[in-house]
Amino acid sequence: MFTGIVAAVGNITSVSPLAGGLDAGVRLEIDAGGLPLADVALGDSIAINGACMTVVEKGGNAFAVDVSRESLNKTAGLDAVGEVNLEKALTLAERLGGHLVSGHVDGLGTVHSFQPVGESHELVIDAPQELAKFLAYKGSVVVNGVSLTVNRVEDLALDGNKVCRFSINLIPHTIEVTTLKHLRAGSKVNLEIDLIARYVERMLSATKA
């Protein structure tokens, strides 16, 4: 489990194909930046841009993870060198500063707009329609591993396709300490819906069955 509070911005320094041909995944070598690795062991989980990955190698201030082809197909930002948001798995001794996050990406969103509004920034994202029922005003959502609060949500039909458009206010601190500063219109982002909303929806649907 995670909290969606980014602990450090790291950097994917290399992407190497794993054995197995076109269906194989990749191994990522990651510079951990300011993320302490002294308490990280092989097999531990680290969220990378919101996707939970297992540490398979570790040395100095760097670690490696293997990303399956399925994970690559379902996520964004894990197939090329560049900055990534990092968070180690939650322990019971830590504060839950964001919200309960599983590290399982539920879908890819597309940035509609990202622009300054006063001292902050407004981030507007188009999410797949199947995630619409989990997104609510003042509810929680994870974007590239960052726990955020939905400020506005609406369902739209764009070019014959239904999407759920929601907006988020990003304070200067969030911009400074995460990779969200690099987003532009058209950028793909990893989305994870609220864990509690997921279970509520399942309970309600099971009751109707």
N, C-alpha and C. Protein backbone atom coordinates (compact mmCIF):
# COMPACT_ATOMS: atom_id res chain seq x y z
N MET A 1 0.84 -1.20 0.00
CA MET A 1 0.00 0.00 0.00
C MET A 1 0.87 1.25 0.00
N PHE A 2 0.29 2.34 -0.51
CA PHE A 2 0.99 3.62 -0.59
C PHE A 2 0.04 4.73 -0.13
N THR A 3 0.54 5.96 -0.11
CA THR A 3 -0.30 7.08 0.31
C THR A 3 -0.55 8.10 -0.80
N GLY A 4 0.23 8.02 -1.88
CA GLY A 4 0.11 9.02 -2.93
C GLY A 4 0.86 10.30 -2.60
N ILE A 5 1.69 10.28 -1.55
CA ILE A 5 2.55 11.41 -1.24
C ILE A 5 3.93 11.09 -1.79
N VAL A 6 4.33 11.77 -2.84
CA VAL A 6 5.59 11.48 -3.51
C VAL A 6 6.76 11.79 -2.58
N ALA A 7 7.65 10.80 -2.40
CA ALA A 7 8.79 10.96 -1.50
C ALA A 7 9.99 11.58 -2.20
N ALA A 8 10.10 11.35 -3.50
CA ALA A 8 11.24 11.89 -4.26
C ALA A 8 10.96 11.77 -5.75
N VAL A 9 11.64 12.59 -6.51
CA VAL A 9 11.62 12.48 -7.97
C VAL A 9 12.90 11.76 -8.38
N GLY A 10 12.74 10.60 -8.99
CA GLY A 10 13.88 9.84 -9.48
C GLY A 10 14.02 10.00 -10.98
N ASN A 11 14.91 9.19 -11.55
CA ASN A 11 15.16 9.30 -12.99
C ASN A 11 15.40 7.93 -13.58
N ILE A 12 14.58 7.54 -14.55
CA ILE A 12 14.86 6.31 -15.30
C ILE A 12 16.07 6.58 -16.17
N THR A 13 17.15 5.86 -15.91
CA THR A 13 18.40 6.11 -16.64
C THR A 13 18.61 5.15 -17.81
N SER A 14 17.95 3.99 -17.76
CA SER A 14 18.05 3.06 -18.89
C SER A 14 16.84 2.17 -18.96
N VAL A 15 16.48 1.77 -20.17
CA VAL A 15 15.37 0.86 -20.44
C VAL A 15 15.90 -0.26 -21.32
N SER A 16 15.94 -1.49 -20.77
CA SER A 16 16.52 -2.62 -21.50
C SER A 16 15.47 -3.70 -21.71
N PRO A 17 15.31 -4.17 -22.95
CA PRO A 17 14.33 -5.23 -23.22
C PRO A 17 14.71 -6.52 -22.48
N LEU A 18 13.71 -7.20 -21.95
CA LEU A 18 13.92 -8.50 -21.33
C LEU A 18 13.86 -9.59 -22.39
N ALA A 19 14.46 -10.73 -22.11
CA ALA A 19 14.43 -11.84 -23.06
C ALA A 19 13.00 -12.32 -23.24
N GLY A 20 12.66 -12.65 -24.49
CA GLY A 20 11.31 -13.15 -24.74
C GLY A 20 10.64 -12.56 -25.96
N GLY A 21 11.35 -11.74 -26.71
CA GLY A 21 10.80 -11.20 -27.94
C GLY A 21 9.84 -10.04 -27.73
N LEU A 22 8.93 -9.85 -28.67
CA LEU A 22 8.03 -8.70 -28.66
C LEU A 22 7.07 -8.70 -27.48
N ASP A 23 6.79 -9.87 -26.93
CA ASP A 23 5.85 -9.96 -25.82
C ASP A 23 6.52 -9.74 -24.47
N ALA A 24 7.83 -9.57 -24.47
CA ALA A 24 8.57 -9.39 -23.22
C ALA A 24 8.48 -7.95 -22.75
N GLY A 25 8.77 -7.77 -21.48
CA GLY A 25 8.77 -6.43 -20.92
C GLY A 25 10.15 -5.81 -20.95
N VAL A 26 10.41 -4.92 -20.00
CA VAL A 26 11.69 -4.22 -19.96
C VAL A 26 12.21 -4.16 -18.52
N ARG A 27 13.51 -3.98 -18.40
CA ARG A 27 14.10 -3.70 -17.10
C ARG A 27 14.46 -2.22 -17.04
N LEU A 28 14.00 -1.55 -15.97
CA LEU A 28 14.30 -0.14 -15.78
C LEU A 28 15.40 0.02 -14.74
N GLU A 29 16.41 0.79 -15.05
CA GLU A 29 17.42 1.20 -14.08
C GLU A 29 17.03 2.61 -13.64
N ILE A 30 16.90 2.81 -12.32
CA ILE A 30 16.37 4.07 -11.82
C ILE A 30 17.30 4.68 -10.78
N ASP A 31 17.69 5.92 -11.04
CA ASP A 31 18.40 6.72 -10.03
C ASP A 31 17.34 7.20 -9.05
N ALA A 32 17.50 6.85 -7.78
CA ALA A 32 16.47 7.14 -6.78
C ALA A 32 16.40 8.59 -6.35
N GLY A 33 17.33 9.42 -6.79
CA GLY A 33 17.29 10.83 -6.40
C GLY A 33 17.38 10.96 -4.89
N GLY A 34 16.43 11.65 -4.29
CA GLY A 34 16.44 11.86 -2.85
C GLY A 34 15.73 10.79 -2.05
N LEU A 35 15.39 9.66 -2.67
CA LEU A 35 14.70 8.59 -1.97
C LEU A 35 15.71 7.70 -1.25
N PRO A 36 15.69 7.63 0.08
CA PRO A 36 16.65 6.78 0.80
C PRO A 36 16.38 5.30 0.51
N LEU A 37 17.45 4.55 0.23
CA LEU A 37 17.28 3.14 -0.11
C LEU A 37 17.86 2.21 0.94
N ALA A 38 18.34 2.76 2.06
CA ALA A 38 18.98 1.93 3.08
C ALA A 38 18.05 0.85 3.61
N ASP A 39 16.76 1.15 3.70
CA ASP A 39 15.80 0.18 4.24
C ASP A 39 15.05 -0.58 3.16
N VAL A 40 15.49 -0.47 1.92
CA VAL A 40 14.85 -1.17 0.80
C VAL A 40 15.61 -2.46 0.50
N ALA A 41 14.88 -3.57 0.46
CA ALA A 41 15.48 -4.87 0.16
C ALA A 41 14.96 -5.40 -1.17
N LEU A 42 15.67 -6.37 -1.72
CA LEU A 42 15.17 -7.01 -2.94
C LEU A 42 13.80 -7.62 -2.66
N GLY A 43 12.87 -7.40 -3.56
CA GLY A 43 11.51 -7.87 -3.38
C GLY A 43 10.57 -6.84 -2.80
N ASP A 44 11.11 -5.72 -2.30
CA ASP A 44 10.26 -4.65 -1.78
C ASP A 44 9.56 -3.92 -2.92
N SER A 45 8.47 -3.24 -2.57
CA SER A 45 7.68 -2.52 -3.57
C SER A 45 7.98 -1.02 -3.54
N ILE A 46 8.08 -0.44 -4.71
CA ILE A 46 8.21 1.01 -4.87
C ILE A 46 7.25 1.44 -5.96
N ALA A 47 6.47 2.48 -5.70
CA ALA A 47 5.56 3.01 -6.71
C ALA A 47 6.33 3.95 -7.62
N ILE A 48 6.23 3.69 -8.92
CA ILE A 48 6.91 4.50 -9.93
C ILE A 48 5.84 5.12 -10.81
N ASN A 49 5.67 6.43 -10.70
CA ASN A 49 4.59 7.12 -11.40
C ASN A 49 3.23 6.48 -11.10
N GLY A 50 3.10 5.98 -9.86
CA GLY A 50 1.83 5.42 -9.43
C GLY A 50 1.65 3.94 -9.67
N ALA A 51 2.62 3.29 -10.32
CA ALA A 51 2.54 1.85 -10.59
C ALA A 51 3.45 1.10 -9.63
N CYS A 52 2.90 0.16 -8.89
CA CYS A 52 3.66 -0.61 -7.92
C CYS A 52 4.59 -1.59 -8.64
N MET A 53 5.89 -1.48 -8.35
CA MET A 53 6.88 -2.35 -8.98
C MET A 53 7.76 -2.98 -7.91
N THR A 54 8.37 -4.13 -8.26
CA THR A 54 9.19 -4.88 -7.32
C THR A 54 10.67 -4.66 -7.60
N VAL A 55 11.43 -4.34 -6.56
CA VAL A 55 12.86 -4.11 -6.70
C VAL A 55 13.56 -5.45 -6.96
N VAL A 56 14.29 -5.54 -8.08
CA VAL A 56 14.99 -6.78 -8.43
C VAL A 56 16.50 -6.63 -8.34
N GLU A 57 16.98 -5.40 -8.32
CA GLU A 57 18.40 -5.12 -8.13
C GLU A 57 18.53 -3.82 -7.36
N LYS A 58 19.64 -3.69 -6.64
CA LYS A 58 19.87 -2.47 -5.87
C LYS A 58 21.36 -2.27 -5.71
N GLY A 59 21.78 -1.02 -5.87
CA GLY A 59 23.20 -0.71 -5.71
C GLY A 59 23.40 0.78 -5.62
N GLY A 60 24.10 1.21 -4.55
CA GLY A 60 24.32 2.64 -4.37
C GLY A 60 23.01 3.37 -4.22
N ASN A 61 22.82 4.40 -5.02
CA ASN A 61 21.58 5.17 -4.97
C ASN A 61 20.65 4.83 -6.12
N ALA A 62 20.74 3.60 -6.60
CA ALA A 62 19.93 3.19 -7.74
C ALA A 62 19.30 1.83 -7.49
N PHE A 63 18.25 1.54 -8.22
CA PHE A 63 17.60 0.23 -8.15
C PHE A 63 17.03 -0.11 -9.51
N ALA A 64 16.64 -1.37 -9.67
CA ALA A 64 16.08 -1.82 -10.95
C ALA A 64 14.78 -2.55 -10.71
N VAL A 65 13.88 -2.45 -11.68
CA VAL A 65 12.61 -3.19 -11.64
C VAL A 65 12.35 -3.77 -13.02
N ASP A 66 11.63 -4.88 -13.05
CA ASP A 66 11.20 -5.47 -14.32
C ASP A 66 9.72 -5.12 -14.53
N VAL A 67 9.42 -4.59 -15.70
CA VAL A 67 8.05 -4.18 -16.04
C VAL A 67 7.54 -5.08 -17.15
N SER A 68 6.46 -5.79 -16.90
CA SER A 68 5.92 -6.72 -17.89
C SER A 68 5.32 -5.95 -19.07
N ARG A 69 5.14 -6.67 -20.17
CA ARG A 69 4.51 -6.06 -21.34
C ARG A 69 3.09 -5.60 -21.03
N GLU A 70 2.37 -6.38 -20.21
CA GLU A 70 1.02 -6.00 -19.82
C GLU A 70 1.03 -4.68 -19.07
N SER A 71 1.98 -4.50 -18.15
CA SER A 71 2.08 -3.24 -17.40
C SER A 71 2.43 -2.09 -18.33
N LEU A 72 3.32 -2.33 -19.27
CA LEU A 72 3.69 -1.28 -20.23
C LEU A 72 2.48 -0.85 -21.06
N ASN A 73 1.64 -1.82 -21.42
CA ASN A 73 0.45 -1.51 -22.22
C ASN A 73 -0.59 -0.73 -21.44
N LYS A 74 -0.58 -0.85 -20.11
CA LYS A 74 -1.60 -0.24 -19.28
C LYS A 74 -1.15 1.03 -18.57
N THR A 75 0.10 1.45 -18.78
CA THR A 75 0.62 2.61 -18.07
C THR A 75 1.30 3.58 -19.03
N ALA A 76 1.66 4.74 -18.49
CA ALA A 76 2.41 5.73 -19.26
C ALA A 76 3.66 6.13 -18.46
N GLY A 77 4.73 6.44 -19.17
CA GLY A 77 5.93 6.96 -18.53
C GLY A 77 6.89 5.92 -17.99
N LEU A 78 6.67 4.63 -18.32
CA LEU A 78 7.57 3.59 -17.84
C LEU A 78 8.33 2.92 -18.99
N ASP A 79 8.37 3.56 -20.12
CA ASP A 79 9.02 2.95 -21.28
C ASP A 79 10.13 3.80 -21.87
N ALA A 80 10.54 4.86 -21.15
CA ALA A 80 11.58 5.73 -21.68
C ALA A 80 12.31 6.41 -20.52
N VAL A 81 13.52 6.85 -20.78
CA VAL A 81 14.28 7.55 -19.75
C VAL A 81 13.59 8.87 -19.42
N GLY A 82 13.75 9.31 -18.19
CA GLY A 82 13.13 10.56 -17.78
C GLY A 82 12.75 10.53 -16.31
N GLU A 83 12.26 11.65 -15.80
CA GLU A 83 11.91 11.76 -14.40
C GLU A 83 10.63 10.99 -14.07
N VAL A 84 10.60 10.44 -12.85
CA VAL A 84 9.43 9.70 -12.38
C VAL A 84 9.21 10.00 -10.90
N ASN A 85 7.95 9.95 -10.48
CA ASN A 85 7.60 10.10 -9.07
C ASN A 85 7.82 8.77 -8.35
N LEU A 86 8.43 8.84 -7.16
CA LEU A 86 8.76 7.63 -6.41
C LEU A 86 8.15 7.68 -5.01
N GLU A 87 7.67 6.53 -4.55
CA GLU A 87 7.19 6.39 -3.17
C GLU A 87 7.41 4.95 -2.72
N LYS A 88 8.04 4.77 -1.56
CA LYS A 88 8.20 3.44 -0.99
C LYS A 88 6.88 2.98 -0.38
N ALA A 89 6.74 1.66 -0.24
CA ALA A 89 5.52 1.11 0.34
C ALA A 89 5.31 1.62 1.75
N LEU A 90 4.05 1.81 2.12
CA LEU A 90 3.66 2.34 3.42
C LEU A 90 3.92 1.33 4.52
N THR A 91 4.39 1.80 5.69
CA THR A 91 4.47 0.97 6.88
C THR A 91 3.43 1.46 7.88
N LEU A 92 3.08 0.61 8.85
CA LEU A 92 2.06 0.97 9.83
C LEU A 92 2.52 2.07 10.78
N ALA A 93 3.81 2.40 10.75
CA ALA A 93 4.34 3.42 11.66
C ALA A 93 4.30 4.81 11.04
N GLU A 94 3.84 4.93 9.78
CA GLU A 94 3.88 6.20 9.08
C GLU A 94 2.52 6.90 9.05
N ARG A 95 2.56 8.22 8.86
CA ARG A 95 1.33 8.98 8.70
C ARG A 95 0.72 8.70 7.33
N LEU A 96 -0.60 8.68 7.28
CA LEU A 96 -1.30 8.52 6.01
C LEU A 96 -1.62 9.92 5.50
N GLY A 97 -0.63 10.54 4.86
CA GLY A 97 -0.78 11.94 4.46
C GLY A 97 -1.69 12.17 3.27
N GLY A 98 -1.82 11.18 2.40
CA GLY A 98 -2.69 11.32 1.23
C GLY A 98 -3.97 10.52 1.44
N HIS A 99 -4.08 9.38 0.74
CA HIS A 99 -5.17 8.44 0.99
C HIS A 99 -4.66 7.05 0.65
N LEU A 100 -5.42 6.02 0.98
CA LEU A 100 -4.98 4.65 0.72
C LEU A 100 -4.88 4.39 -0.79
N VAL A 101 -3.67 4.01 -1.21
CA VAL A 101 -3.37 3.83 -2.63
C VAL A 101 -2.77 2.43 -2.82
N SER A 102 -3.25 1.71 -3.81
CA SER A 102 -2.78 0.33 -4.02
C SER A 102 -1.60 0.25 -4.97
N GLY A 103 -1.40 1.26 -5.80
CA GLY A 103 -0.34 1.20 -6.79
C GLY A 103 -0.72 0.43 -8.04
N HIS A 104 -2.04 0.22 -8.23
CA HIS A 104 -2.54 -0.47 -9.41
C HIS A 104 -3.23 0.55 -10.33
N VAL A 105 -2.67 0.77 -11.49
CA VAL A 105 -3.20 1.76 -12.42
C VAL A 105 -4.51 1.26 -13.01
N ASP A 106 -5.57 2.06 -12.88
CA ASP A 106 -6.90 1.67 -13.36
C ASP A 106 -7.16 2.10 -14.80
N GLY A 107 -6.42 3.07 -15.28
CA GLY A 107 -6.64 3.53 -16.64
C GLY A 107 -5.73 4.70 -16.97
N LEU A 108 -5.67 5.02 -18.25
CA LEU A 108 -4.87 6.15 -18.71
C LEU A 108 -5.76 7.35 -18.99
N GLY A 109 -5.38 8.49 -18.45
CA GLY A 109 -6.07 9.73 -18.74
C GLY A 109 -5.26 10.55 -19.73
N THR A 110 -5.91 11.55 -20.31
CA THR A 110 -5.25 12.46 -21.25
C THR A 110 -5.41 13.88 -20.73
N VAL A 111 -4.31 14.60 -20.61
CA VAL A 111 -4.38 15.98 -20.13
C VAL A 111 -5.09 16.85 -21.16
N HIS A 112 -6.18 17.46 -20.75
CA HIS A 112 -6.91 18.39 -21.62
C HIS A 112 -6.26 19.77 -21.59
N SER A 113 -5.92 20.23 -20.38
CA SER A 113 -5.23 21.52 -20.25
C SER A 113 -4.48 21.56 -18.93
N PHE A 114 -3.45 22.40 -18.89
CA PHE A 114 -2.65 22.57 -17.68
C PHE A 114 -2.11 23.99 -17.72
N GLN A 115 -2.66 24.83 -16.83
CA GLN A 115 -2.30 26.24 -16.91
C GLN A 115 -2.35 26.90 -15.54
N PRO A 116 -1.57 27.97 -15.36
CA PRO A 116 -1.56 28.67 -14.07
C PRO A 116 -2.87 29.39 -13.82
N VAL A 117 -3.32 29.35 -12.57
CA VAL A 117 -4.51 30.08 -12.12
C VAL A 117 -4.14 30.70 -10.77
N GLY A 118 -3.88 32.00 -10.79
CA GLY A 118 -3.39 32.65 -9.57
C GLY A 118 -2.03 32.10 -9.22
N GLU A 119 -1.84 31.72 -7.94
CA GLU A 119 -0.56 31.18 -7.52
C GLU A 119 -0.45 29.67 -7.77
N SER A 120 -1.55 29.05 -8.20
CA SER A 120 -1.58 27.61 -8.41
C SER A 120 -1.70 27.26 -9.89
N HIS A 121 -1.90 25.98 -10.17
CA HIS A 121 -2.13 25.51 -11.53
C HIS A 121 -3.41 24.66 -11.55
N GLU A 122 -4.16 24.79 -12.63
CA GLU A 122 -5.32 23.93 -12.83
C GLU A 122 -4.96 22.85 -13.84
N LEU A 123 -5.14 21.60 -13.42
CA LEU A 123 -4.89 20.45 -14.27
C LEU A 123 -6.23 19.82 -14.62
N VAL A 124 -6.55 19.76 -15.92
CA VAL A 124 -7.81 19.18 -16.38
C VAL A 124 -7.50 17.92 -17.18
N ILE A 125 -8.13 16.83 -16.80
CA ILE A 125 -7.83 15.52 -17.38
C ILE A 125 -9.10 14.86 -17.90
N ASP A 126 -8.99 14.24 -19.07
CA ASP A 126 -10.07 13.42 -19.61
C ASP A 126 -9.78 11.97 -19.26
N ALA A 127 -10.70 11.36 -18.49
CA ALA A 127 -10.54 9.98 -18.07
C ALA A 127 -11.46 9.07 -18.87
N PRO A 128 -11.12 7.79 -19.00
CA PRO A 128 -12.02 6.86 -19.68
C PRO A 128 -13.38 6.82 -18.99
N GLN A 129 -14.44 6.66 -19.76
CA GLN A 129 -15.79 6.69 -19.22
C GLN A 129 -16.02 5.62 -18.16
N GLU A 130 -15.31 4.49 -18.27
CA GLU A 130 -15.52 3.42 -17.28
C GLU A 130 -15.04 3.81 -15.88
N LEU A 131 -14.26 4.88 -15.78
CA LEU A 131 -13.82 5.36 -14.47
C LEU A 131 -14.71 6.46 -13.93
N ALA A 132 -15.68 6.93 -14.72
CA ALA A 132 -16.49 8.08 -14.35
C ALA A 132 -17.22 7.87 -13.02
N LYS A 133 -17.74 6.67 -12.79
CA LYS A 133 -18.53 6.42 -11.58
C LYS A 133 -17.69 6.47 -10.31
N PHE A 134 -16.36 6.47 -10.46
CA PHE A 134 -15.49 6.50 -9.29
C PHE A 134 -14.95 7.91 -9.01
N LEU A 135 -15.24 8.86 -9.88
CA LEU A 135 -14.71 10.22 -9.73
C LEU A 135 -15.81 11.15 -9.25
N ALA A 136 -15.57 11.84 -8.14
CA ALA A 136 -16.60 12.68 -7.55
C ALA A 136 -15.99 13.97 -7.02
N TYR A 137 -16.81 15.00 -6.96
CA TYR A 137 -16.40 16.29 -6.41
C TYR A 137 -15.87 16.11 -4.99
N LYS A 138 -14.66 16.61 -4.77
CA LYS A 138 -13.94 16.52 -3.49
C LYS A 138 -13.50 15.09 -3.16
N GLY A 139 -13.62 14.18 -4.14
CA GLY A 139 -13.11 12.83 -3.94
C GLY A 139 -11.62 12.77 -4.26
N SER A 140 -11.03 11.62 -3.99
CA SER A 140 -9.59 11.44 -4.21
C SER A 140 -9.32 10.69 -5.51
N VAL A 141 -8.19 11.03 -6.12
CA VAL A 141 -7.72 10.34 -7.31
C VAL A 141 -6.19 10.41 -7.30
N VAL A 142 -5.56 9.41 -7.89
CA VAL A 142 -4.11 9.40 -8.00
C VAL A 142 -3.72 9.66 -9.46
N VAL A 143 -2.87 10.65 -9.67
CA VAL A 143 -2.38 10.98 -11.01
C VAL A 143 -0.86 10.84 -11.01
N ASN A 144 -0.35 9.87 -11.77
CA ASN A 144 1.09 9.60 -11.81
C ASN A 144 1.68 9.45 -10.41
N GLY A 145 0.92 8.78 -9.54
CA GLY A 145 1.42 8.50 -8.21
C GLY A 145 1.18 9.57 -7.19
N VAL A 146 0.49 10.65 -7.55
CA VAL A 146 0.25 11.77 -6.64
C VAL A 146 -1.21 11.77 -6.19
N SER A 147 -1.42 11.75 -4.89
CA SER A 147 -2.78 11.82 -4.32
C SER A 147 -3.31 13.25 -4.46
N LEU A 148 -4.46 13.38 -5.14
CA LEU A 148 -5.01 14.70 -5.43
C LEU A 148 -6.52 14.71 -5.18
N THR A 149 -7.08 15.92 -5.07
CA THR A 149 -8.50 16.09 -4.80
C THR A 149 -9.20 16.65 -6.04
N VAL A 150 -10.30 16.01 -6.42
CA VAL A 150 -11.07 16.45 -7.59
C VAL A 150 -11.87 17.71 -7.24
N ASN A 151 -11.71 18.76 -8.04
CA ASN A 151 -12.43 20.02 -7.80
C ASN A 151 -13.69 20.14 -8.66
N ARG A 152 -13.70 19.49 -9.80
CA ARG A 152 -14.86 19.56 -10.69
C ARG A 152 -14.87 18.32 -11.56
N VAL A 153 -16.06 17.82 -11.88
CA VAL A 153 -16.16 16.63 -12.71
C VAL A 153 -17.40 16.73 -13.58
N GLU A 154 -17.27 16.33 -14.84
CA GLU A 154 -18.41 16.34 -15.76
C GLU A 154 -18.23 15.25 -16.81
N ASP A 155 -19.34 14.70 -17.27
CA ASP A 155 -19.33 13.67 -18.31
C ASP A 155 -19.63 14.32 -19.65
N LEU A 156 -18.79 14.01 -20.64
CA LEU A 156 -18.89 14.66 -21.95
C LEU A 156 -18.87 13.63 -23.06
N ALA A 157 -19.37 14.04 -24.22
CA ALA A 157 -19.27 13.24 -25.44
C ALA A 157 -18.36 14.00 -26.40
N LEU A 158 -17.19 13.45 -26.68
CA LEU A 158 -16.22 14.09 -27.56
C LEU A 158 -15.97 13.21 -28.77
N ASP A 159 -16.30 13.73 -29.94
CA ASP A 159 -16.10 12.98 -31.20
C ASP A 159 -16.76 11.60 -31.13
N GLY A 160 -17.93 11.56 -30.50
CA GLY A 160 -18.67 10.31 -30.42
C GLY A 160 -18.24 9.40 -29.29
N ASN A 161 -17.21 9.81 -28.54
CA ASN A 161 -16.73 9.00 -27.43
C ASN A 161 -17.06 9.68 -26.10
N LYS A 162 -17.52 8.91 -25.13
CA LYS A 162 -17.82 9.46 -23.82
C LYS A 162 -16.56 9.49 -22.96
N VAL A 163 -16.33 10.62 -22.31
CA VAL A 163 -15.19 10.76 -21.40
C VAL A 163 -15.66 11.45 -20.13
N CYS A 164 -14.92 11.27 -19.09
CA CYS A 164 -15.16 11.97 -17.83
C CYS A 164 -14.06 12.99 -17.65
N ARG A 165 -14.42 14.27 -17.68
CA ARG A 165 -13.43 15.34 -17.55
C ARG A 165 -13.44 15.86 -16.12
N PHE A 166 -12.29 15.87 -15.49
CA PHE A 166 -12.22 16.37 -14.12
C PHE A 166 -11.03 17.32 -13.98
N SER A 167 -11.15 18.23 -13.02
CA SER A 167 -10.08 19.21 -12.81
C SER A 167 -9.54 19.11 -11.40
N ILE A 168 -8.28 19.51 -11.27
CA ILE A 168 -7.54 19.44 -10.01
C ILE A 168 -6.77 20.73 -9.85
N ASN A 169 -6.70 21.23 -8.63
CA ASN A 169 -5.88 22.39 -8.33
C ASN A 169 -4.56 21.93 -7.74
N LEU A 170 -3.46 22.35 -8.34
CA LEU A 170 -2.13 21.98 -7.86
C LEU A 170 -1.47 23.19 -7.21
N ILE A 171 -1.14 23.06 -5.93
CA ILE A 171 -0.46 24.14 -5.24
C ILE A 171 1.01 24.18 -5.67
N PRO A 172 1.69 25.30 -5.45
CA PRO A 172 3.09 25.41 -5.87
C PRO A 172 3.99 24.30 -5.33
N HIS A 173 3.76 23.86 -4.09
CA HIS A 173 4.60 22.80 -3.51
C HIS A 173 4.50 21.52 -4.32
N THR A 174 3.28 21.15 -4.73
CA THR A 174 3.10 19.93 -5.51
C THR A 174 3.81 20.04 -6.85
N ILE A 175 3.72 21.20 -7.47
CA ILE A 175 4.42 21.43 -8.73
C ILE A 175 5.93 21.26 -8.55
N GLU A 176 6.43 21.78 -7.44
CA GLU A 176 7.87 21.79 -7.20
C GLU A 176 8.45 20.40 -6.94
N VAL A 177 7.71 19.55 -6.20
CA VAL A 177 8.30 18.30 -5.73
C VAL A 177 7.84 17.06 -6.50
N THR A 178 7.12 17.23 -7.60
CA THR A 178 6.68 16.09 -8.42
C THR A 178 6.98 16.35 -9.89
N THR A 179 6.75 15.35 -10.70
CA THR A 179 6.96 15.49 -12.14
C THR A 179 5.76 16.08 -12.86
N LEU A 180 4.69 16.40 -12.13
CA LEU A 180 3.49 16.93 -12.77
C LEU A 180 3.78 18.24 -13.49
N LYS A 181 4.85 18.91 -13.10
CA LYS A 181 5.23 20.17 -13.75
C LYS A 181 5.50 20.00 -15.24
N HIS A 182 5.81 18.77 -15.66
CA HIS A 182 6.17 18.52 -17.06
C HIS A 182 4.96 18.21 -17.95
N LEU A 183 3.78 18.13 -17.36
CA LEU A 183 2.60 17.77 -18.15
C LEU A 183 2.21 18.87 -19.12
N ARG A 184 1.69 18.45 -20.24
CA ARG A 184 1.19 19.36 -21.27
C ARG A 184 -0.11 18.80 -21.83
N ALA A 185 -0.89 19.61 -22.54
CA ALA A 185 -2.10 19.11 -23.20
C ALA A 185 -1.71 17.95 -24.10
N GLY A 186 -2.43 16.84 -23.96
CA GLY A 186 -2.14 15.65 -24.74
C GLY A 186 -1.31 14.62 -24.01
N SER A 187 -0.68 15.00 -22.89
CA SER A 187 0.12 14.04 -22.12
C SER A 187 -0.76 12.92 -21.58
N LYS A 188 -0.24 11.71 -21.57
CA LYS A 188 -0.93 10.58 -20.96
C LYS A 188 -0.51 10.47 -19.50
N VAL A 189 -1.46 10.16 -18.63
CA VAL A 189 -1.18 10.04 -17.20
C VAL A 189 -1.79 8.76 -16.65
N ASN A 190 -1.12 8.20 -15.64
CA ASN A 190 -1.63 7.02 -14.95
C ASN A 190 -2.66 7.44 -13.91
N LEU A 191 -3.81 6.78 -13.92
CA LEU A 191 -4.87 7.11 -12.99
C LEU A 191 -5.20 5.90 -12.10
N GLU A 192 -5.37 6.16 -10.82
CA GLU A 192 -5.90 5.15 -9.89
C GLU A 192 -7.05 5.77 -9.12
N ILE A 193 -8.20 5.11 -9.18
CA ILE A 193 -9.38 5.65 -8.49
C ILE A 193 -9.31 5.30 -7.01
N ASP A 194 -10.14 5.94 -6.22
CA ASP A 194 -10.15 5.77 -4.78
C ASP A 194 -10.49 4.33 -4.41
N LEU A 195 -9.71 3.75 -3.51
CA LEU A 195 -9.89 2.36 -3.10
C LEU A 195 -11.26 2.12 -2.48
N ILE A 196 -11.70 3.04 -1.64
CA ILE A 196 -13.01 2.89 -0.99
C ILE A 196 -14.13 2.95 -2.01
N ALA A 197 -14.02 3.87 -2.98
CA ALA A 197 -15.03 3.98 -4.03
C ALA A 197 -15.14 2.68 -4.82
N ARG A 198 -14.01 2.02 -5.01
CA ARG A 198 -14.01 0.76 -5.75
C ARG A 198 -14.86 -0.30 -5.02
N TYR A 199 -14.68 -0.39 -3.71
CA TYR A 199 -15.42 -1.39 -2.95
C TYR A 199 -16.90 -1.02 -2.81
N VAL A 200 -17.19 0.26 -2.68
CA VAL A 200 -18.59 0.69 -2.59
C VAL A 200 -19.33 0.33 -3.88
N GLU A 201 -18.69 0.60 -5.03
CA GLU A 201 -19.31 0.29 -6.32
C GLU A 201 -19.55 -1.21 -6.44
N ARG A 202 -18.60 -2.02 -5.97
CA ARG A 202 -18.75 -3.47 -6.06
C ARG A 202 -19.90 -3.96 -5.17
N MET A 203 -20.00 -3.42 -3.97
CA MET A 203 -21.07 -3.82 -3.07
C MET A 203 -22.44 -3.46 -3.63
N LEU A 204 -22.54 -2.27 -4.21
CA LEU A 204 -23.82 -1.84 -4.78
C LEU A 204 -24.21 -2.67 -5.99
N SER A 205 -23.24 -2.99 -6.84
CA SER A 205 -23.55 -3.77 -8.03
C SER A 205 -23.91 -5.21 -7.66
N ALA A 206 -23.25 -5.75 -6.61
CA ALA A 206 -23.56 -7.12 -6.17
C ALA A 206 -24.95 -7.20 -5.57
N THR A 207 -25.36 -6.12 -4.89
CA THR A 207 -26.69 -6.08 -4.28
C THR A 207 -27.79 -6.09 -5.34
N LYS A 208 -27.51 -5.42 -6.49
CA LYS A 208 -28.51 -5.33 -7.55
C LYS A 208 -28.62 -6.63 -8.36
N ALA A 209 -27.57 -7.46 -8.29
CA ALA A 209 -27.55 -8.69 -9.11
C ALA A 209 -28.59 -9.70 -8.64
